Amino acid sequence: FGLGCGPVLETLLRDHFLGDLREVVVLGANDQFWDYSKQI
């Protein structure tokens, strides 16, 4: 994750695009294990 956009994103961060960092949000929520009938 982030290998593709990483170089451009890191340039923006070095150029202080965000200003002072205040918050981060990390989401990794899906249905990969939603079906309880599937093999463990």
All heavy atoms as atom14 arrays in JSON, in Angstrom:
{
  "sequence": "FGLGCGPVLETLLRDHFLGDLREVVVLGANDQFWDYSKQI",
  "atom14_mask": [
    [1, 1, 1, 1, 1, 1, 1, 1, 1, 1, 1, 0, 0, 0],
    [1, 1, 1, 1, 0, 0, 0, 0, 0, 0, 0, 0, 0, 0],
    [1, 1, 1, 1, 1, 1, 1, 1, 0, 0, 0, 0, 0, 0],
    [1, 1, 1, 1, 0, 0, 0, 0, 0, 0, 0, 0, 0, 0],
    [1, 1, 1, 1, 1, 1, 0, 0, 0, 0, 0, 0, 0, 0],
    [1, 1, 1, 1, 0, 0, 0, 0, 0, 0, 0, 0, 0, 0],
    [1, 1, 1, 1, 1, 1, 1, 0, 0, 0, 0, 0, 0, 0],
    [1, 1, 1, 1, 1, 1, 1, 0, 0, 0, 0, 0, 0, 0],
    [1, 1, 1, 1, 1, 1, 1, 1, 0, 0, 0, 0, 0, 0],
    [1, 1, 1, 1, 1, 1, 1, 1, 1, 0, 0, 0, 0, 0],
    [1, 1, 1, 1, 1, 1, 1, 0, 0, 0, 0, 0, 0, 0],
    [1, 1, 1, 1, 1, 1, 1, 1, 0, 0, 0, 0, 0, 0],
    [1, 1, 1, 1, 1, 1, 1, 1, 0, 0, 0, 0, 0, 0],
    [1, 1, 1, 1, 1, 1, 1, 1, 1, 1, 1, 0, 0, 0],
    [1, 1, 1, 1, 1, 1, 1, 1, 0, 0, 0, 0, 0, 0],
    [1, 1, 1, 1, 1, 1, 1, 1, 1, 1, 0, 0, 0, 0],
    [1, 1, 1, 1, 1, 1, 1, 1, 1, 1, 1, 0, 0, 0],
    [1, 1, 1, 1, 1, 1, 1, 1, 0, 0, 0, 0, 0, 0],
    [1, 1, 1, 1, 0, 0, 0, 0, 0, 0, 0, 0, 0, 0],
    [1, 1, 1, 1, 1, 1, 1, 1, 0, 0, 0, 0, 0, 0],
    [1, 1, 1, 1, 1, 1, 1, 1, 0, 0, 0, 0, 0, 0],
    [1, 1, 1, 1, 1, 1, 1, 1, 1, 1, 1, 0, 0, 0],
    [1, 1, 1, 1, 1, 1, 1, 1, 1, 0, 0, 0, 0, 0],
    [1, 1, 1, 1, 1, 1, 1, 0, 0, 0, 0, 0, 0, 0],
    [1, 1, 1, 1, 1, 1, 1, 0, 0, 0, 0, 0, 0, 0],
    [1, 1, 1, 1, 1, 1, 1, 0, 0, 0, 0, 0, 0, 0],
    [1, 1, 1, 1, 1, 1, 1, 1, 0, 0, 0, 0, 0, 0],
    [1, 1, 1, 1, 0, 0, 0, 0, 0, 0, 0, 0, 0, 0],
    [1, 1, 1, 1, 1, 0, 0, 0, 0, 0, 0, 0, 0, 0],
    [1, 1, 1, 1, 1, 1, 1, 1, 0, 0, 0, 0, 0, 0],
    [1, 1, 1, 1, 1, 1, 1, 1, 0, 0, 0, 0, 0, 0],
    [1, 1, 1, 1, 1, 1, 1, 1, 1, 0, 0, 0, 0, 0],
    [1, 1, 1, 1, 1, 1, 1, 1, 1, 1, 1, 0, 0, 0],
    [1, 1, 1, 1, 1, 1, 1, 1, 1, 1, 1, 1, 1, 1],
    [1, 1, 1, 1, 1, 1, 1, 1, 0, 0, 0, 0, 0, 0],
    [1, 1, 1, 1, 1, 1, 1, 1, 1, 1, 1, 1, 0, 0],
    [1, 1, 1, 1, 1, 1, 0, 0, 0, 0, 0, 0, 0, 0],
    [1, 1, 1, 1, 1, 1, 1, 1, 1, 0, 0, 0, 0, 0],
    [1, 1, 1, 1, 1, 1, 1, 1, 1, 0, 0, 0, 0, 0],
    [1, 1, 1, 1, 1, 1, 1, 1, 0, 0, 0, 0, 0, 0]
  ],
  "atom14_positions": [
    [[0.83, -1.19, 0.0], [0.0, 0.0, 0.0], [0.87, 1.26, 0.0], [1.8, 1.39, 0.78], [-0.94, 0.01, 1.2], [-1.8, -1.22, 1.29], [-1.84, -1.99, 2.44], [-2.54, -1.64, 0.19], [-2.63, -3.13, 2.51], [-3.33, -2.77, 0.25], [-3.38, -3.52, 1.41], [0.0, 0.0, 0.0], [0.0, 0.0, 0.0], [0.0, 0.0, 0.0]],
    [[0.57, 2.16, -0.89], [1.3, 3.41, -0.96], [2.55, 3.37, -1.8], [3.22, 4.4, -1.96], [0.0, 0.0, 0.0], [0.0, 0.0, 0.0], [0.0, 0.0, 0.0], [0.0, 0.0, 0.0], [0.0, 0.0, 0.0], [0.0, 0.0, 0.0], [0.0, 0.0, 0.0], [0.0, 0.0, 0.0], [0.0, 0.0, 0.0], [0.0, 0.0, 0.0]],
    [[2.9, 2.24, -2.38], [4.09, 2.19, -3.22], [3.94, 3.07, -4.46], [4.88, 3.72, -4.9], [4.4, 0.75, -3.64], [4.85, -0.21, -2.54], [5.14, -1.59, -3.13], [6.07, 0.31, -1.79], [0.0, 0.0, 0.0], [0.0, 0.0, 0.0], [0.0, 0.0, 0.0], [0.0, 0.0, 0.0], [0.0, 0.0, 0.0], [0.0, 0.0, 0.0]],
    [[2.72, 3.07, -5.04], [2.5, 3.84, -6.26], [2.49, 5.34, -6.02], [3.22, 6.11, -6.66], [0.0, 0.0, 0.0], [0.0, 0.0, 0.0], [0.0, 0.0, 0.0], [0.0, 0.0, 0.0], [0.0, 0.0, 0.0], [0.0, 0.0, 0.0], [0.0, 0.0, 0.0], [0.0, 0.0, 0.0], [0.0, 0.0, 0.0], [0.0, 0.0, 0.0]],
    [[1.66, 5.79, -5.09], [1.51, 7.22, -4.84], [2.58, 7.77, -3.91], [2.72, 8.99, -3.77], [0.13, 7.52, -4.27], [-0.11, 6.92, -2.57], [0.0, 0.0, 0.0], [0.0, 0.0, 0.0], [0.0, 0.0, 0.0], [0.0, 0.0, 0.0], [0.0, 0.0, 0.0], [0.0, 0.0, 0.0], [0.0, 0.0, 0.0], [0.0, 0.0, 0.0]],
    [[3.34, 6.89, -3.26], [4.28, 7.3, -2.23], [5.22, 8.43, -2.63], [5.34, 9.43, -1.91], [0.0, 0.0, 0.0], [0.0, 0.0, 0.0], [0.0, 0.0, 0.0], [0.0, 0.0, 0.0], [0.0, 0.0, 0.0], [0.0, 0.0, 0.0], [0.0, 0.0, 0.0], [0.0, 0.0, 0.0], [0.0, 0.0, 0.0], [0.0, 0.0, 0.0]],
    [[5.94, 8.32, -3.77], [6.89, 9.39, -4.12], [6.25, 10.76, -4.23], [6.8, 11.76, -3.74], [7.45, 8.91, -5.46], [7.32, 7.42, -5.42], [6.04, 7.17, -4.68], [0.0, 0.0, 0.0], [0.0, 0.0, 0.0], [0.0, 0.0, 0.0], [0.0, 0.0, 0.0], [0.0, 0.0, 0.0], [0.0, 0.0, 0.0], [0.0, 0.0, 0.0]],
    [[5.08, 10.86, -4.87], [4.4, 12.15, -5.02], [3.87, 12.63, -3.67], [4.0, 13.82, -3.31], [3.28, 12.06, -6.06], [2.42, 13.33, -6.06], [3.86, 11.81, -7.45], [0.0, 0.0, 0.0], [0.0, 0.0, 0.0], [0.0, 0.0, 0.0], [0.0, 0.0, 0.0], [0.0, 0.0, 0.0], [0.0, 0.0, 0.0], [0.0, 0.0, 0.0]],
    [[3.27, 11.72, -2.9], [2.73, 12.1, -1.59], [3.85, 12.6, -0.68], [3.68, 13.61, 0.03], [2.01, 10.9, -0.98], [1.14, 11.14, 0.26], [0.06, 10.06, 0.36], [1.96, 11.13, 1.54], [0.0, 0.0, 0.0], [0.0, 0.0, 0.0], [0.0, 0.0, 0.0], [0.0, 0.0, 0.0], [0.0, 0.0, 0.0], [0.0, 0.0, 0.0]],
    [[4.98, 11.91, -0.7], [6.09, 12.32, 0.17], [6.65, 13.68, -0.24], [7.09, 14.47, 0.61], [7.17, 11.24, 0.14], [6.74, 9.99, 0.92], [7.43, 8.72, 0.45], [8.51, 8.82, -0.18], [6.88, 7.62, 0.72], [0.0, 0.0, 0.0], [0.0, 0.0, 0.0], [0.0, 0.0, 0.0], [0.0, 0.0, 0.0], [0.0, 0.0, 0.0]],
    [[6.62, 14.0, -1.54], [7.02, 15.33, -1.99], [6.08, 16.4, -1.44], [6.52, 17.46, -0.97], [7.05, 15.39, -3.53], [8.03, 14.47, -4.01], [7.4, 16.79, -4.01], [0.0, 0.0, 0.0], [0.0, 0.0, 0.0], [0.0, 0.0, 0.0], [0.0, 0.0, 0.0], [0.0, 0.0, 0.0], [0.0, 0.0, 0.0], [0.0, 0.0, 0.0]],
    [[4.77, 16.13, -1.48], [3.8, 17.07, -0.91], [4.06, 17.3, 0.57], [3.99, 18.43, 1.06], [2.38, 16.55, -1.12], [1.81, 16.59, -2.54], [0.39, 16.0, -2.55], [1.78, 18.01, -3.08], [0.0, 0.0, 0.0], [0.0, 0.0, 0.0], [0.0, 0.0, 0.0], [0.0, 0.0, 0.0], [0.0, 0.0, 0.0], [0.0, 0.0, 0.0]],
    [[4.36, 16.21, 1.29], [4.62, 16.36, 2.73], [5.88, 17.18, 2.98], [5.91, 18.03, 3.88], [4.74, 14.97, 3.37], [3.47, 14.11, 3.39], [3.77, 12.75, 3.99], [2.34, 14.8, 4.16], [0.0, 0.0, 0.0], [0.0, 0.0, 0.0], [0.0, 0.0, 0.0], [0.0, 0.0, 0.0], [0.0, 0.0, 0.0], [0.0, 0.0, 0.0]],
    [[6.93, 16.94, 2.18], [8.16, 17.73, 2.34], [7.92, 19.21, 2.04], [8.57, 20.08, 2.62], [9.26, 17.17, 1.44], [9.88, 15.87, 1.93], [11.17, 15.57, 1.19], [10.93, 15.37, -0.24], [10.66, 14.19, -0.79], [10.58, 13.11, -0.03], [10.47, 14.09, -2.1], [0.0, 0.0, 0.0], [0.0, 0.0, 0.0], [0.0, 0.0, 0.0]],
    [[6.97, 19.48, 1.14], [6.65, 20.86, 0.78], [5.6, 21.48, 1.72], [5.07, 22.55, 1.43], [6.13, 20.92, -0.66], [7.22, 20.6, -1.68], [8.41, 20.69, -1.32], [6.87, 20.26, -2.83], [0.0, 0.0, 0.0], [0.0, 0.0, 0.0], [0.0, 0.0, 0.0], [0.0, 0.0, 0.0], [0.0, 0.0, 0.0], [0.0, 0.0, 0.0]],
    [[5.31, 20.78, 2.82], [4.39, 21.28, 3.86], [2.98, 21.52, 3.33], [2.31, 22.47, 3.74], [4.95, 22.54, 4.51], [6.33, 22.37, 5.07], [6.6, 21.62, 6.18], [7.53, 22.84, 4.62], [7.9, 21.64, 6.43], [8.49, 22.36, 5.49], [0.0, 0.0, 0.0], [0.0, 0.0, 0.0], [0.0, 0.0, 0.0], [0.0, 0.0, 0.0]],
    [[2.53, 20.65, 2.43], [1.18, 20.76, 1.89], [0.14, 20.7, 3.01], [-0.86, 21.41, 2.99], [0.93, 19.64, 0.88], [-0.45, 19.64, 0.27], [-0.7, 20.35, -0.9], [-1.49, 18.92, 0.85], [-1.98, 20.36, -1.46], [-2.76, 18.93, 0.3], [-3.01, 19.65, -0.86], [0.0, 0.0, 0.0], [0.0, 0.0, 0.0], [0.0, 0.0, 0.0]],
    [[0.36, 19.83, 3.99], [-0.61, 19.66, 5.08], [-0.54, 20.77, 6.11], [-1.5, 20.97, 6.85], [-0.38, 18.33, 5.8], [-0.72, 17.04, 5.06], [-0.37, 15.84, 5.93], [-2.21, 16.99, 4.7], [0.0, 0.0, 0.0], [0.0, 0.0, 0.0], [0.0, 0.0, 0.0], [0.0, 0.0, 0.0], [0.0, 0.0, 0.0], [0.0, 0.0, 0.0]],
    [[0.58, 21.46, 6.19], [0.82, 22.33, 7.34], [1.21, 21.47, 8.53], [1.97, 20.51, 8.4], [0.0, 0.0, 0.0], [0.0, 0.0, 0.0], [0.0, 0.0, 0.0], [0.0, 0.0, 0.0], [0.0, 0.0, 0.0], [0.0, 0.0, 0.0], [0.0, 0.0, 0.0], [0.0, 0.0, 0.0], [0.0, 0.0, 0.0], [0.0, 0.0, 0.0]],
    [[0.68, 21.77, 9.69], [0.94, 20.96, 10.88], [-0.03, 19.78, 10.91], [-1.25, 19.97, 10.82], [0.77, 21.8, 12.15], [1.78, 22.93, 12.23], [2.92, 22.74, 11.76], [1.43, 24.01, 12.75], [0.0, 0.0, 0.0], [0.0, 0.0, 0.0], [0.0, 0.0, 0.0], [0.0, 0.0, 0.0], [0.0, 0.0, 0.0], [0.0, 0.0, 0.0]],
    [[0.5, 18.59, 11.06], [-0.35, 17.4, 11.12], [-1.21, 17.44, 12.38], [-0.73, 17.68, 13.48], [0.52, 16.14, 11.14], [-0.23, 14.81, 11.14], [-0.97, 14.6, 9.82], [0.74, 13.65, 11.4], [0.0, 0.0, 0.0], [0.0, 0.0, 0.0], [0.0, 0.0, 0.0], [0.0, 0.0, 0.0], [0.0, 0.0, 0.0], [0.0, 0.0, 0.0]],
    [[-2.52, 17.19, 12.19], [-3.45, 17.21, 13.32], [-4.03, 15.83, 13.6], [-4.1, 15.41, 14.74], [-4.57, 18.22, 13.05], [-4.1, 19.65, 13.09], [-5.2, 20.64, 12.79], [-4.76, 22.02, 13.02], [-5.48, 23.09, 12.74], [-6.72, 22.95, 12.21], [-5.01, 24.3, 12.99], [0.0, 0.0, 0.0], [0.0, 0.0, 0.0], [0.0, 0.0, 0.0]],
    [[-4.5, 15.16, 12.57], [-5.14, 13.86, 12.77], [-4.81, 12.92, 11.61], [-4.57, 13.36, 10.48], [-6.67, 14.01, 12.85], [-7.16, 14.82, 14.01], [-8.69, 14.91, 14.06], [-9.35, 14.15, 13.34], [-9.2, 15.73, 14.84], [0.0, 0.0, 0.0], [0.0, 0.0, 0.0], [0.0, 0.0, 0.0], [0.0, 0.0, 0.0], [0.0, 0.0, 0.0]],
    [[-4.81, 11.62, 11.92], [-4.72, 10.59, 10.88], [-5.87, 9.61, 11.09], [-6.31, 9.38, 12.23], [-3.36, 9.85, 10.89], [-2.21, 10.83, 10.71], [-3.18, 9.03, 12.16], [0.0, 0.0, 0.0], [0.0, 0.0, 0.0], [0.0, 0.0, 0.0], [0.0, 0.0, 0.0], [0.0, 0.0, 0.0], [0.0, 0.0, 0.0], [0.0, 0.0, 0.0]],
    [[-6.37, 9.07, 10.0], [-7.41, 8.05, 10.05], [-6.94, 6.88, 9.21], [-6.53, 7.06, 8.05], [-8.76, 8.58, 9.52], [-9.78, 7.45, 9.45], [-9.27, 9.71, 10.4], [0.0, 0.0, 0.0], [0.0, 0.0, 0.0], [0.0, 0.0, 0.0], [0.0, 0.0, 0.0], [0.0, 0.0, 0.0], [0.0, 0.0, 0.0], [0.0, 0.0, 0.0]],
    [[-6.99, 5.69, 9.77], [-6.62, 4.46, 9.08], [-7.82, 3.53, 9.04], [-8.36, 3.16, 10.1], [-5.43, 3.76, 9.77], [-5.08, 2.46, 9.05], [-4.22, 4.69, 9.81], [0.0, 0.0, 0.0], [0.0, 0.0, 0.0], [0.0, 0.0, 0.0], [0.0, 0.0, 0.0], [0.0, 0.0, 0.0], [0.0, 0.0, 0.0], [0.0, 0.0, 0.0]],
    [[-8.26, 3.18, 7.86], [-9.42, 2.32, 7.67], [-9.01, 1.04, 6.96], [-8.31, 1.08, 5.95], [-10.49, 3.03, 6.84], [-11.01, 4.37, 7.39], [-11.9, 5.05, 6.37], [-11.75, 4.15, 8.7], [0.0, 0.0, 0.0], [0.0, 0.0, 0.0], [0.0, 0.0, 0.0], [0.0, 0.0, 0.0], [0.0, 0.0, 0.0], [0.0, 0.0, 0.0]],
    [[-9.45, -0.08, 7.51], [-9.21, -1.37, 6.88], [-10.37, -2.29, 7.19], [-10.21, -3.31, 7.86], [0.0, 0.0, 0.0], [0.0, 0.0, 0.0], [0.0, 0.0, 0.0], [0.0, 0.0, 0.0], [0.0, 0.0, 0.0], [0.0, 0.0, 0.0], [0.0, 0.0, 0.0], [0.0, 0.0, 0.0], [0.0, 0.0, 0.0], [0.0, 0.0, 0.0]],
    [[-11.56, -1.92, 6.7], [-12.79, -2.59, 7.12], [-13.56, -3.08, 5.91], [-13.97, -2.29, 5.04], [-13.65, -1.63, 7.95], [0.0, 0.0, 0.0], [0.0, 0.0, 0.0], [0.0, 0.0, 0.0], [0.0, 0.0, 0.0], [0.0, 0.0, 0.0], [0.0, 0.0, 0.0], [0.0, 0.0, 0.0], [0.0, 0.0, 0.0], [0.0, 0.0, 0.0]],
    [[-13.78, -4.4, 5.87], [-14.48, -5.01, 4.74], [-15.16, -6.3, 5.19], [-15.3, -6.55, 6.39], [-13.5, -5.26, 3.58], [-12.29, -6.08, 4.02], [-12.39, -6.96, 4.88], [-11.15, -5.8, 3.44], [0.0, 0.0, 0.0], [0.0, 0.0, 0.0], [0.0, 0.0, 0.0], [0.0, 0.0, 0.0], [0.0, 0.0, 0.0], [0.0, 0.0, 0.0]],
    [[-15.55, -7.13, 4.23], [-16.33, -8.34, 4.56], [-15.56, -9.63, 4.33], [-16.15, -10.68, 4.13], [-17.63, -8.35, 3.74], [-17.37, -8.43, 2.24], [-16.19, -8.37, 1.82], [-18.34, -8.53, 1.47], [0.0, 0.0, 0.0], [0.0, 0.0, 0.0], [0.0, 0.0, 0.0], [0.0, 0.0, 0.0], [0.0, 0.0, 0.0], [0.0, 0.0, 0.0]],
    [[-14.21, -9.57, 4.37], [-13.43, -10.75, 4.02], [-13.74, -11.96, 4.91], [-13.63, -13.11, 4.46], [-11.94, -10.44, 4.06], [-11.37, -10.15, 5.45], [-9.89, -9.86, 5.43], [-9.45, -8.8, 5.87], [-9.1, -10.79, 4.93], [0.0, 0.0, 0.0], [0.0, 0.0, 0.0], [0.0, 0.0, 0.0], [0.0, 0.0, 0.0], [0.0, 0.0, 0.0]],
    [[-14.14, -11.75, 6.16], [-14.47, -12.85, 7.06], [-15.94, -12.78, 7.51], [-16.3, -13.36, 8.53], [-13.55, -12.82, 8.28], [-12.09, -13.03, 7.96], [-11.13, -12.18, 8.46], [-11.69, -14.06, 7.12], [-9.78, -12.35, 8.16], [-10.35, -14.25, 6.81], [-9.39, -13.4, 7.33], [0.0, 0.0, 0.0], [0.0, 0.0, 0.0], [0.0, 0.0, 0.0]],
    [[-16.75, -12.07, 6.74], [-18.15, -11.9, 7.13], [-18.91, -13.22, 7.12], [-19.74, -13.48, 7.99], [-18.82, -10.9, 6.18], [-20.29, -10.78, 6.38], [-20.94, -10.07, 7.35], [-21.31, -11.41, 5.61], [-22.3, -10.2, 7.24], [-22.56, -11.03, 6.18], [-21.32, -12.26, 4.51], [-23.77, -11.48, 5.66], [-22.52, -12.71, 3.99], [-23.74, -12.31, 4.57]],
    [[-18.64, -14.08, 6.15], [-19.38, -15.33, 5.99], [-18.81, -16.39, 6.95], [-17.77, -17.0, 6.67], [-19.29, -15.81, 4.54], [-20.16, -17.03, 4.27], [-20.69, -17.62, 5.24], [-20.29, -17.42, 3.08], [0.0, 0.0, 0.0], [0.0, 0.0, 0.0], [0.0, 0.0, 0.0], [0.0, 0.0, 0.0], [0.0, 0.0, 0.0], [0.0, 0.0, 0.0]],
    [[-19.5, -16.61, 8.05], [-18.99, -17.52, 9.08], [-19.04, -18.98, 8.66], [-18.5, -19.85, 9.35], [-19.77, -17.34, 10.39], [-21.23, -17.71, 10.29], [-21.66, -19.01, 10.5], [-22.19, -16.74, 9.99], [-23.0, -19.34, 10.4], [-23.53, -17.06, 9.89], [-23.93, -18.38, 10.09], [-25.25, -18.71, 9.99], [0.0, 0.0, 0.0], [0.0, 0.0, 0.0]],
    [[-19.68, -19.28, 7.52], [-19.74, -20.67, 7.05], [-18.48, -21.09, 6.3], [-18.29, -22.27, 6.0], [-20.96, -20.88, 6.15], [-20.83, -20.18, 4.93], [0.0, 0.0, 0.0], [0.0, 0.0, 0.0], [0.0, 0.0, 0.0], [0.0, 0.0, 0.0], [0.0, 0.0, 0.0], [0.0, 0.0, 0.0], [0.0, 0.0, 0.0], [0.0, 0.0, 0.0]],
    [[-17.6, -20.12, 6.0], [-16.39, -20.43, 5.25], [-15.31, -21.01, 6.16], [-15.27, -20.76, 7.36], [-15.87, -19.17, 4.54], [-16.73, -18.74, 3.37], [-16.09, -17.58, 2.62], [-16.91, -17.21, 1.39], [-16.3, -16.08, 0.66], [0.0, 0.0, 0.0], [0.0, 0.0, 0.0], [0.0, 0.0, 0.0], [0.0, 0.0, 0.0], [0.0, 0.0, 0.0]],
    [[-14.42, -21.77, 5.54], [-13.3, -22.41, 6.22], [-12.48, -21.38, 7.01], [-12.24, -20.27, 6.56], [-12.41, -23.07, 5.16], [-11.01, -23.45, 5.6], [-10.98, -24.75, 6.38], [-11.99, -25.43, 6.51], [-9.83, -25.09, 6.9], [0.0, 0.0, 0.0], [0.0, 0.0, 0.0], [0.0, 0.0, 0.0], [0.0, 0.0, 0.0], [0.0, 0.0, 0.0]],
    [[-12.06, -21.76, 8.22], [-11.22, -20.88, 9.03], [-9.92, -20.59, 8.28], [-9.35, -21.47, 7.61], [-10.94, -21.49, 10.41], [-10.36, -20.44, 11.35], [-10.05, -22.74, 10.32], [-10.34, -20.86, 12.81], [0.0, 0.0, 0.0], [0.0, 0.0, 0.0], [0.0, 0.0, 0.0], [0.0, 0.0, 0.0], [0.0, 0.0, 0.0], [0.0, 0.0, 0.0]]
  ]
}
